[in-house]
Amino acid sequence: MYDCAKDVRAYHDQEVTLPKTEQDAMRDRRDANRTRLRNGLANAGKPAPFEFVKQGSYAMKTMVRDPDNDYDIDDGVYFRKEDLVGERGAEMTSLQARQMVRDALDDGKFKRAPEVRSNCVRVFYEKGYHVDLPVYRRVVTSTAFGEEVHYELAASSGWKRSDARDVSDWYEDERTKSADGVQLRRINRDLKKYARSRYSWRGGILSGFGITVLTTERFRVNDREDQALYDTMVAIRDRLSWDLQIAHPVTPGDYITSGSDDARARCFRDKLTEAIDTLQPLFETGCTRERALKCWDKVFATTFFSERLEEEKRAAVAAPAIISSAALLGATTAAAAAVSSAGGGRHA
């Protein structure tokens, strides 16, 4: 395979992963929402959350750049079950808990008011991104062995046993067990970027979480970044060719996909096949750098790789001129020094 390892790594670093400025801005938005929620609940005489926990791709650090700022920041808000009591002393339903959080967040300063969604409360921002706040309750039960604690999500179907931290812990465990956890995360981001590289795919392709699960299952480490990405693509495609179902990694019996012929998983499999086919010229004898980079451009629907080649050509043209100028300057300086040492300089 023609070596484009440095180019694929550069694409990840410059076009895929979020820059620190964006990460800092996201953290600021998250913190502002936490303060807004605390204040809103206090002003309404409602119970205070005892904890906030970042989750999803935001917690796993697998978010990728999006030209439309379509970022989904997940920040779980946790209450004690005994605090979630309605006006008449009855236990709050999952819907009432989400409505309480929505009302507390809605301070009248948003152009689009926060909304109750099936499994969270969503806060919208003008630039296109949004913050999702799943609502949880902490449940303590007494057993013969002492107190046991578990968490439940305020879902559309009612209170559902769940804790977002389990997913984040699972991902870190998978990275730790892998041959190269840092590269695994980069390849994970690259594959999510590929799945979002065309607007027409976004409504029908596998979710980012599904791609993350498949990446941990079939990651193929390699010293060359391009080879690691290609080999992982092939491994995932082959896996989906015999089984389109993807089990939830921390919830036994649950699946990310729906049924044995899930349309979104099938779409991702087919798009991976397209990418693999597009990269076949890189395995041909006589493949040139120009052709190889054009193939990577086509995979990610970008001009990033070809532009790197153009920059290299411009640098190659400029280099001799710079060397000649430096040599001329050196010769001139040497000649002047020789004249001076021979006494040929001007005297006052």
Foldseek 3Di string as FASTA:
>chain_A
DFAPLVVLVVCLVPFWADDVVVLVVVVVVVVVLLVLQQVLCVVVVADAFPDKDWFDCNLLRLHTDDPQQAAETEIETEEAQCRQADPVRHGDKLVRVQVSSQRSSQPPPAPDGWARDQFFIWDDDPSNYIYTYWYKHWDWDQDPVGIDIFMFTSGNVITHTDDRVVVSVVLVVLLVPDPHSVLLSSLLRVLVLLQPLDVVNVVFAQDSVQSNQLSSVQQDDDPRSVVRNLNSLVRSLVVCVVFLWAADPRDPPHTSADDRPGRRSVSSSVLSVVLNVLQVLSVDPPDDQQSNQVSVCVSNVHCSSVVVVVVVVVCVVVVVVVVVVVVVVVVVVVVVVVCVVVVNDDDD
